[in-house]
Amino acid sequence: MKQLGVGPGRYVAATAAGLFAVPYVAGLSLVVGLPGVDKSGDAVVSFLRDHASAIRLQGLLVAWGALALVVILAYVVILAYARDRLQGPFAHVFTIGSAVAVTEFSIVTWFWSGLALHADRLDPGTARALMDVSSMWGPILTVADVMVAAPIVLAARAGLFPRWLGILAAVFAIEQLIETVTIVGGPGQFISPGGPMNYDLGGTLFIVFFVALGLNVSFWRGRNADADQLR
């Protein structure tokens, strides 16, 4: 398999990192103050009615960002097999975790965008139930994030990725592992499902980690500076 070299293909992952970050940050900025699990069904319906257009635009931006995220992950997988940066079971764990993460983003976007489609006709009980399902996306996404970050930590310890990326991956993996407590978090708490720990803390680290991963794939040559160009 051809490897990443110094040609134009080298910068694809870095470009994807930018194209991933911009839509995701913009999308998150469009819709703030999502009704937490402690809010009533009427409050959920009122929020969806007031922000229906913004939520659907957010869904579009997340879809665009997901395409860029897939490119980043695909390039890491190429490195995994072409340069042995990730070896054995850990390479497969990374690949599975990547697929799970992208799939979960798609599913939650279905729920959010679907709820906003006919927000003026929503039943409060139905809206609250579907929003509860959506709120569990963040807590469950943590498992996929750990599956992606942990192999990077191990590869960095072996010198196959730069130390700074290994430290960032370790911070991200540990935070996400701790963040699994949001699965059982209560209403109105920092650790509520879909609450501040998921969106503000976890969401920020998610974006930073994957942008860093994309930039590293493009610019860190490691032990294989003379690798062949990816065509």
C-alpha atoms as a PDB file:
ATOM      1  CA  MET A   1       0.000   0.000   0.000  1.00  0.00           C
ATOM      2  CA  LYS A   2       1.302   3.455  -0.851  1.00  0.00           C
ATOM      3  CA  GLN A   3       2.190   5.699   2.046  1.00  0.00           C
ATOM      4  CA  LEU A   4       1.734   9.383   2.728  1.00  0.00           C
ATOM      5  CA  GLY A   5       4.622  11.371   1.361  1.00  0.00           C
ATOM      6  CA  VAL A   6       5.504  14.966   0.659  1.00  0.00           C
ATOM      7  CA  GLY A   7       3.212  15.484  -2.326  1.00  0.00           C
ATOM      8  CA  PRO A   8      -0.208  17.179  -2.473  1.00  0.00           C
ATOM      9  CA  GLY A   9      -1.885  14.183  -0.852  1.00  0.00           C
ATOM     10  CA  ARG A  10       0.008  14.954   2.323  1.00  0.00           C
ATOM     11  CA  TYR A  11      -2.236  17.927   3.059  1.00  0.00           C
ATOM     12  CA  VAL A  12      -5.604  16.250   2.565  1.00  0.00           C
ATOM     13  CA  ALA A  13      -5.973  15.290   6.233  1.00  0.00           C
ATOM     14  CA  ALA A  14      -4.996  18.793   7.413  1.00  0.00           C
ATOM     15  CA  THR A  15      -7.530  20.311   5.039  1.00  0.00           C
ATOM     16  CA  ALA A  16     -10.149  17.865   6.311  1.00  0.00           C
ATOM     17  CA  ALA A  17      -9.318  18.906   9.880  1.00  0.00           C
ATOM     18  CA  GLY A  18     -10.248  22.487   9.043  1.00  0.00           C
ATOM     19  CA  LEU A  19     -13.349  21.437   7.139  1.00  0.00           C
ATOM     20  CA  PHE A  20     -14.372  19.322  10.125  1.00  0.00           C
ATOM     21  CA  ALA A  21     -13.802  21.971  12.783  1.00  0.00           C
ATOM     22  CA  VAL A  22     -15.500  24.912  11.082  1.00  0.00           C
ATOM     23  CA  PRO A  23     -18.930  23.286  10.456  1.00  0.00           C
ATOM     24  CA  TYR A  24     -18.952  21.608  13.871  1.00  0.00           C
ATOM     25  CA  VAL A  25     -18.120  24.781  15.780  1.00  0.00           C
ATOM     26  CA  ALA A  26     -20.583  26.755  13.665  1.00  0.00           C
ATOM     27  CA  GLY A  27     -23.283  24.128  14.158  1.00  0.00           C
ATOM     28  CA  LEU A  28     -22.831  24.027  17.915  1.00  0.00           C
ATOM     29  CA  SER A  29     -22.947  27.832  18.039  1.00  0.00           C
ATOM     30  CA  LEU A  30     -26.238  27.940  16.147  1.00  0.00           C
ATOM     31  CA  VAL A  31     -28.230  26.114  18.818  1.00  0.00           C
ATOM     32  CA  VAL A  32     -27.443  26.818  22.461  1.00  0.00           C
ATOM     33  CA  GLY A  33     -29.415  26.117  25.605  1.00  0.00           C
ATOM     34  CA  LEU A  34     -30.878  22.761  24.607  1.00  0.00           C
ATOM     35  CA  PRO A  35     -33.620  21.783  27.065  1.00  0.00           C
ATOM     36  CA  GLY A  36     -32.112  19.411  29.606  1.00  0.00           C
ATOM     37  CA  VAL A  37     -33.617  16.201  30.891  1.00  0.00           C
ATOM     38  CA  ASP A  38     -35.162  18.196  33.761  1.00  0.00           C
ATOM     39  CA  LYS A  39     -37.345  20.270  31.407  1.00  0.00           C
ATOM     40  CA  SER A  40     -40.966  19.472  30.629  1.00  0.00           C
ATOM     41  CA  GLY A  41     -42.313  18.292  27.302  1.00  0.00           C
ATOM     42  CA  ASP A  42     -43.924  21.712  26.784  1.00  0.00           C
ATOM     43  CA  ALA A  43     -40.528  23.371  27.234  1.00  0.00           C
ATOM     44  CA  VAL A  44     -39.030  21.011  24.645  1.00  0.00           C
ATOM     45  CA  VAL A  45     -41.759  21.788  22.125  1.00  0.00           C
ATOM     46  CA  SER A  46     -41.383  25.529  22.724  1.00  0.00           C
ATOM     47  CA  PHE A  47     -37.624  25.309  22.176  1.00  0.00           C
ATOM     48  CA  LEU A  48     -38.008  23.287  18.976  1.00  0.00           C
ATOM     49  CA  ARG A  49     -40.569  25.728  17.590  1.00  0.00           C
ATOM     50  CA  ASP A  50     -38.339  28.708  18.322  1.00  0.00           C
ATOM     51  CA  HIS A  51     -35.191  27.111  16.880  1.00  0.00           C
ATOM     52  CA  ALA A  52     -36.520  24.785  14.156  1.00  0.00           C
ATOM     53  CA  SER A  53     -34.656  26.447  11.274  1.00  0.00           C
ATOM     54  CA  ALA A  54     -31.398  26.686  13.225  1.00  0.00           C
ATOM     55  CA  ILE A  55     -31.600  23.021  14.256  1.00  0.00           C
ATOM     56  CA  ARG A  56     -32.059  21.880  10.670  1.00  0.00           C
ATOM     57  CA  LEU A  57     -29.172  24.077   9.536  1.00  0.00           C
ATOM     58  CA  GLN A  58     -27.122  22.573  12.342  1.00  0.00           C
ATOM     59  CA  GLY A  59     -27.950  19.131  10.949  1.00  0.00           C
ATOM     60  CA  LEU A  60     -26.617  20.198   7.545  1.00  0.00           C
ATOM     61  CA  LEU A  61     -23.373  21.507   9.040  1.00  0.00           C
ATOM     62  CA  VAL A  62     -22.890  18.343  11.100  1.00  0.00           C
ATOM     63  CA  ALA A  63     -23.403  16.256   7.948  1.00  0.00           C
ATOM     64  CA  TRP A  64     -20.718  18.256   6.125  1.00  0.00           C
ATOM     65  CA  GLY A  65     -18.401  18.010   9.109  1.00  0.00           C
ATOM     66  CA  ALA A  66     -18.930  14.256   9.285  1.00  0.00           C
ATOM     67  CA  LEU A  67     -17.646  13.880   5.718  1.00  0.00           C
ATOM     68  CA  ALA A  68     -14.434  15.652   6.688  1.00  0.00           C
ATOM     69  CA  LEU A  69     -14.146  13.580   9.868  1.00  0.00           C
ATOM     70  CA  VAL A  70     -14.335  10.393   7.822  1.00  0.00           C
ATOM     71  CA  VAL A  71     -11.430  11.612   5.683  1.00  0.00           C
ATOM     72  CA  ILE A  72      -9.293  12.215   8.799  1.00  0.00           C
ATOM     73  CA  LEU A  73     -10.101   8.774  10.169  1.00  0.00           C
ATOM     74  CA  ALA A  74      -9.482   7.122   6.797  1.00  0.00           C
ATOM     75  CA  TYR A  75      -6.003   8.633   6.573  1.00  0.00           C
ATOM     76  CA  VAL A  76      -5.155   7.413  10.062  1.00  0.00           C
ATOM     77  CA  VAL A  77      -6.272   3.921   9.035  1.00  0.00           C
ATOM     78  CA  ILE A  78      -4.014   4.162   5.969  1.00  0.00           C
ATOM     79  CA  LEU A  79      -1.117   4.987   8.268  1.00  0.00           C
ATOM     80  CA  ALA A  80      -2.102   2.144  10.557  1.00  0.00           C
ATOM     81  CA  TYR A  81      -1.539  -0.446   7.877  1.00  0.00           C
ATOM     82  CA  ALA A  82       1.012   1.254   5.623  1.00  0.00           C
ATOM     83  CA  ARG A  83       3.434   2.322   8.336  1.00  0.00           C
ATOM     84  CA  ASP A  84       2.532  -0.002  11.182  1.00  0.00           C
ATOM     85  CA  ARG A  85       1.756   2.978  13.413  1.00  0.00           C
ATOM     86  CA  LEU A  86      -1.158   1.007  14.818  1.00  0.00           C
ATOM     87  CA  GLN A  87      -0.672  -2.721  14.984  1.00  0.00           C
ATOM     88  CA  GLY A  88      -2.713  -5.822  15.738  1.00  0.00           C
ATOM     89  CA  PRO A  89      -5.969  -5.552  17.656  1.00  0.00           C
ATOM     90  CA  PHE A  90      -5.483  -1.852  18.393  1.00  0.00           C
ATOM     91  CA  ALA A  91      -5.713  -0.967  14.714  1.00  0.00           C
ATOM     92  CA  HIS A  92      -9.035  -2.794  14.520  1.00  0.00           C
ATOM     93  CA  VAL A  93     -10.279  -1.149  17.725  1.00  0.00           C
ATOM     94  CA  PHE A  94      -9.505   2.249  16.193  1.00  0.00           C
ATOM     95  CA  THR A  95     -11.325   1.357  12.983  1.00  0.00           C
ATOM     96  CA  ILE A  96     -14.402   0.053  14.803  1.00  0.00           C
ATOM     97  CA  GLY A  97     -14.458   3.055  17.139  1.00  0.00           C
ATOM     98  CA  SER A  98     -14.270   5.416  14.160  1.00  0.00           C
ATOM     99  CA  ALA A  99     -17.211   3.729  12.464  1.00  0.00           C
ATOM    100  CA  VAL A 100     -19.269   3.772  15.672  1.00  0.00           C
ATOM    101  CA  ALA A 101     -18.565   7.479  16.286  1.00  0.00           C
ATOM    102  CA  VAL A 102     -19.629   8.541  12.783  1.00  0.00           C
ATOM    103  CA  THR A 103     -22.715   6.325  12.953  1.00  0.00           C
ATOM    104  CA  GLU A 104     -23.781   7.817  16.274  1.00  0.00           C
ATOM    105  CA  PHE A 105     -23.436  11.351  14.893  1.00  0.00           C
ATOM    106  CA  SER A 106     -25.697  10.363  11.997  1.00  0.00           C
ATOM    107  CA  ILE A 107     -28.325   8.877  14.288  1.00  0.00           C
ATOM    108  CA  VAL A 108     -28.550  11.845  16.647  1.00  0.00           C
ATOM    109  CA  THR A 109     -28.789  14.202  13.662  1.00  0.00           C
ATOM    110  CA  TRP A 110     -31.792  12.212  12.442  1.00  0.00           C
ATOM    111  CA  PHE A 111     -33.520  12.776  15.766  1.00  0.00           C
ATOM    112  CA  TRP A 112     -32.733  16.481  16.106  1.00  0.00           C
ATOM    113  CA  SER A 113     -33.530  17.388  12.519  1.00  0.00           C
ATOM    114  CA  GLY A 114     -36.619  15.185  12.505  1.00  0.00           C
ATOM    115  CA  LEU A 115     -38.000  16.809  15.653  1.00  0.00           C
ATOM    116  CA  ALA A 116     -37.532  20.240  14.080  1.00  0.00           C
ATOM    117  CA  LEU A 117     -39.257  19.267  10.835  1.00  0.00           C
ATOM    118  CA  HIS A 118     -42.815  19.694  12.170  1.00  0.00           C
ATOM    119  CA  ALA A 119     -42.124  21.337  15.502  1.00  0.00           C
ATOM    120  CA  ASP A 120     -45.451  23.183  15.458  1.00  0.00           C
ATOM    121  CA  ARG A 121     -47.354  19.873  15.539  1.00  0.00           C
ATOM    122  CA  LEU A 122     -45.359  17.996  18.162  1.00  0.00           C
ATOM    123  CA  ASP A 123     -47.026  16.349  21.116  1.00  0.00           C
ATOM    124  CA  PRO A 124     -45.182  17.374  24.333  1.00  0.00           C
ATOM    125  CA  GLY A 125     -44.958  13.801  25.609  1.00  0.00           C
ATOM    126  CA  THR A 126     -43.579  12.505  22.323  1.00  0.00           C
ATOM    127  CA  ALA A 127     -41.135  15.394  22.047  1.00  0.00           C
ATOM    128  CA  ARG A 128     -39.856  14.804  25.573  1.00  0.00           C
ATOM    129  CA  ALA A 129     -39.422  11.074  24.945  1.00  0.00           C
ATOM    130  CA  LEU A 130     -37.510  11.564  21.689  1.00  0.00           C
ATOM    131  CA  MET A 131     -35.350  14.285  23.224  1.00  0.00           C
ATOM    132  CA  ASP A 132     -34.536  11.891  26.071  1.00  0.00           C
ATOM    133  CA  VAL A 133     -33.331   9.352  23.517  1.00  0.00           C
ATOM    134  CA  SER A 134     -31.239  12.051  21.827  1.00  0.00           C
ATOM    135  CA  SER A 135     -29.761  13.179  25.148  1.00  0.00           C
ATOM    136  CA  MET A 136     -28.205   9.738  25.638  1.00  0.00           C
ATOM    137  CA  TRP A 137     -26.133  10.187  22.475  1.00  0.00           C
ATOM    138  CA  GLY A 138     -23.345  12.075  24.236  1.00  0.00           C
ATOM    139  CA  PRO A 139     -22.989   9.592  27.114  1.00  0.00           C
ATOM    140  CA  ILE A 140     -22.848   6.607  24.753  1.00  0.00           C
ATOM    141  CA  LEU A 141     -20.517   8.353  22.276  1.00  0.00           C
ATOM    142  CA  THR A 142     -17.865   8.341  25.005  1.00  0.00           C
ATOM    143  CA  VAL A 143     -17.274   4.619  24.462  1.00  0.00           C
ATOM    144  CA  ALA A 144     -16.475   5.117  20.772  1.00  0.00           C
ATOM    145  CA  ASP A 145     -14.199   8.037  21.629  1.00  0.00           C
ATOM    146  CA  VAL A 146     -12.191   5.884  24.035  1.00  0.00           C
ATOM    147  CA  MET A 147     -11.898   3.214  21.323  1.00  0.00           C
ATOM    148  CA  VAL A 148     -10.390   5.824  18.987  1.00  0.00           C
ATOM    149  CA  ALA A 149      -8.139   7.641  21.460  1.00  0.00           C
ATOM    150  CA  ALA A 150      -6.653   4.714  23.410  1.00  0.00           C
ATOM    151  CA  PRO A 151      -4.829   3.137  20.415  1.00  0.00           C
ATOM    152  CA  ILE A 152      -3.275   6.533  19.646  1.00  0.00           C
ATOM    153  CA  VAL A 153      -1.970   6.699  23.227  1.00  0.00           C
ATOM    154  CA  LEU A 154      -0.350   3.275  22.889  1.00  0.00           C
ATOM    155  CA  ALA A 155       1.111   4.076  19.483  1.00  0.00           C
ATOM    156  CA  ALA A 156       2.561   7.345  20.795  1.00  0.00           C
ATOM    157  CA  ARG A 157       4.183   5.501  23.700  1.00  0.00           C
ATOM    158  CA  ALA A 158       5.896   3.309  21.113  1.00  0.00           C
ATOM    159  CA  GLY A 159       7.169   6.401  19.293  1.00  0.00           C
ATOM    160  CA  LEU A 160       4.865   5.941  16.310  1.00  0.00           C
ATOM    161  CA  PHE A 161       3.061   9.243  16.920  1.00  0.00           C
ATOM    162  CA  PRO A 162       4.479  12.417  18.513  1.00  0.00           C
ATOM    163  CA  ARG A 163       4.445  12.672  22.293  1.00  0.00           C
ATOM    164  CA  TRP A 164       2.176  15.714  22.358  1.00  0.00           C
ATOM    165  CA  LEU A 165      -0.504  13.821  20.439  1.00  0.00           C
ATOM    166  CA  GLY A 166      -0.194  10.895  22.837  1.00  0.00           C
ATOM    167  CA  ILE A 167      -0.704  13.239  25.811  1.00  0.00           C
ATOM    168  CA  LEU A 168      -3.720  14.854  24.159  1.00  0.00           C
ATOM    169  CA  ALA A 169      -5.164  11.431  23.310  1.00  0.00           C
ATOM    170  CA  ALA A 170      -4.635  10.288  26.921  1.00  0.00           C
ATOM    171  CA  VAL A 171      -6.395  13.362  28.293  1.00  0.00           C
ATOM    172  CA  PHE A 172      -9.256  12.834  25.854  1.00  0.00           C
ATOM    173  CA  ALA A 173      -9.543   9.106  26.590  1.00  0.00           C
ATOM    174  CA  ILE A 174      -9.503   9.594  30.373  1.00  0.00           C
ATOM    175  CA  GLU A 175     -12.024  12.424  30.222  1.00  0.00           C
ATOM    176  CA  GLN A 176     -14.313  10.379  28.011  1.00  0.00           C
ATOM    177  CA  LEU A 177     -14.004   7.363  30.276  1.00  0.00           C
ATOM    178  CA  ILE A 178     -14.972   9.514  33.268  1.00  0.00           C
ATOM    179  CA  GLU A 179     -17.736  11.058  31.193  1.00  0.00           C
ATOM    180  CA  THR A 180     -19.483   7.704  30.957  1.00  0.00           C
ATOM    181  CA  VAL A 181     -20.984   8.615  34.366  1.00  0.00           C
ATOM    182  CA  THR A 182     -23.361  10.882  32.439  1.00  0.00           C
ATOM    183  CA  ILE A 183     -25.231   7.711  31.487  1.00  0.00           C
ATOM    184  CA  VAL A 184     -26.558   7.623  35.058  1.00  0.00           C
ATOM    185  CA  GLY A 185     -26.408  11.365  35.791  1.00  0.00           C
ATOM    186  CA  GLY A 186     -29.470  12.992  37.297  1.00  0.00           C
ATOM    187  CA  PRO A 187     -31.518  15.925  35.972  1.00  0.00           C
ATOM    188  CA  GLY A 188     -30.100  19.408  36.420  1.00  0.00           C
ATOM    189  CA  GLN A 189     -26.542  18.238  37.146  1.00  0.00           C
ATOM    190  CA  PHE A 190     -23.198  18.841  35.444  1.00  0.00           C
ATOM    191  CA  ILE A 191     -23.202  15.125  34.633  1.00  0.00           C
ATOM    192  CA  SER A 192     -26.771  15.053  33.313  1.00  0.00           C
ATOM    193  CA  PRO A 193     -27.180  13.135  30.031  1.00  0.00           C
ATOM    194  CA  GLY A 194     -26.726  15.660  27.252  1.00  0.00           C
ATOM    195  CA  GLY A 195     -25.615  18.241  29.817  1.00  0.00           C
ATOM    196  CA  PRO A 196     -22.553  20.474  30.238  1.00  0.00           C
ATOM    197  CA  MET A 197     -20.079  17.617  30.698  1.00  0.00           C
ATOM    198  CA  ASN A 198     -21.127  16.086  27.366  1.00  0.00           C
ATOM    199  CA  TYR A 199     -21.383  19.249  25.299  1.00  0.00           C
ATOM    200  CA  ASP A 200     -19.103  21.856  26.845  1.00  0.00           C
ATOM    201  CA  LEU A 201     -16.241  19.715  28.133  1.00  0.00           C
ATOM    202  CA  GLY A 202     -16.465  16.553  26.053  1.00  0.00           C
ATOM    203  CA  GLY A 203     -17.519  18.360  22.882  1.00  0.00           C
ATOM    204  CA  THR A 204     -14.576  20.754  23.044  1.00  0.00           C
ATOM    205  CA  LEU A 205     -12.058  17.966  23.606  1.00  0.00           C
ATOM    206  CA  PHE A 206     -13.645  15.962  20.773  1.00  0.00           C
ATOM    207  CA  ILE A 207     -13.076  18.744  18.256  1.00  0.00           C
ATOM    208  CA  VAL A 208      -9.558  19.542  19.491  1.00  0.00           C
ATOM    209  CA  PHE A 209      -8.467  15.892  19.407  1.00  0.00           C
ATOM    210  CA  PHE A 210      -9.670  15.133  15.888  1.00  0.00           C
ATOM    211  CA  VAL A 211      -8.303  18.386  14.478  1.00  0.00           C
ATOM    212  CA  ALA A 212      -4.931  17.568  16.069  1.00  0.00           C
ATOM    213  CA  LEU A 213      -5.101  14.052  14.633  1.00  0.00           C
ATOM    214  CA  GLY A 214      -5.702  15.389  11.132  1.00  0.00           C
ATOM    215  CA  LEU A 215      -2.879  17.916  11.383  1.00  0.00           C
ATOM    216  CA  ASN A 216      -0.509  15.259  12.687  1.00  0.00           C
ATOM    217  CA  VAL A 217      -1.272  12.914   9.804  1.00  0.00           C
ATOM    218  CA  SER A 218      -0.311  15.658   7.355  1.00  0.00           C
ATOM    219  CA  PHE A 219       2.701  17.221   9.001  1.00  0.00           C
ATOM    220  CA  TRP A 220       4.439  14.730  11.298  1.00  0.00           C
ATOM    221  CA  ARG A 221       6.778  12.517   9.332  1.00  0.00           C
ATOM    222  CA  GLY A 222       8.049  10.392  12.207  1.00  0.00           C
ATOM    223  CA  ARG A 223      10.362   7.529  11.365  1.00  0.00           C
ATOM    224  CA  ASN A 224       9.327   7.329   7.723  1.00  0.00           C
ATOM    225  CA  ALA A 225      10.371  10.655   6.245  1.00  0.00           C
ATOM    226  CA  ASP A 226      11.184   8.950   2.971  1.00  0.00           C
ATOM    227  CA  ALA A 227       7.801   7.302   2.572  1.00  0.00           C
ATOM    228  CA  ASP A 228       6.293   7.018  -0.829  1.00  0.00           C
ATOM    229  CA  GLN A 229       3.650   9.464  -1.908  1.00  0.00           C
ATOM    230  CA  LEU A 230      -0.018   8.499  -1.593  1.00  0.00           C
ATOM    231  CA  ARG A 231      -1.574   8.651  -5.019  1.00  0.00           C
END
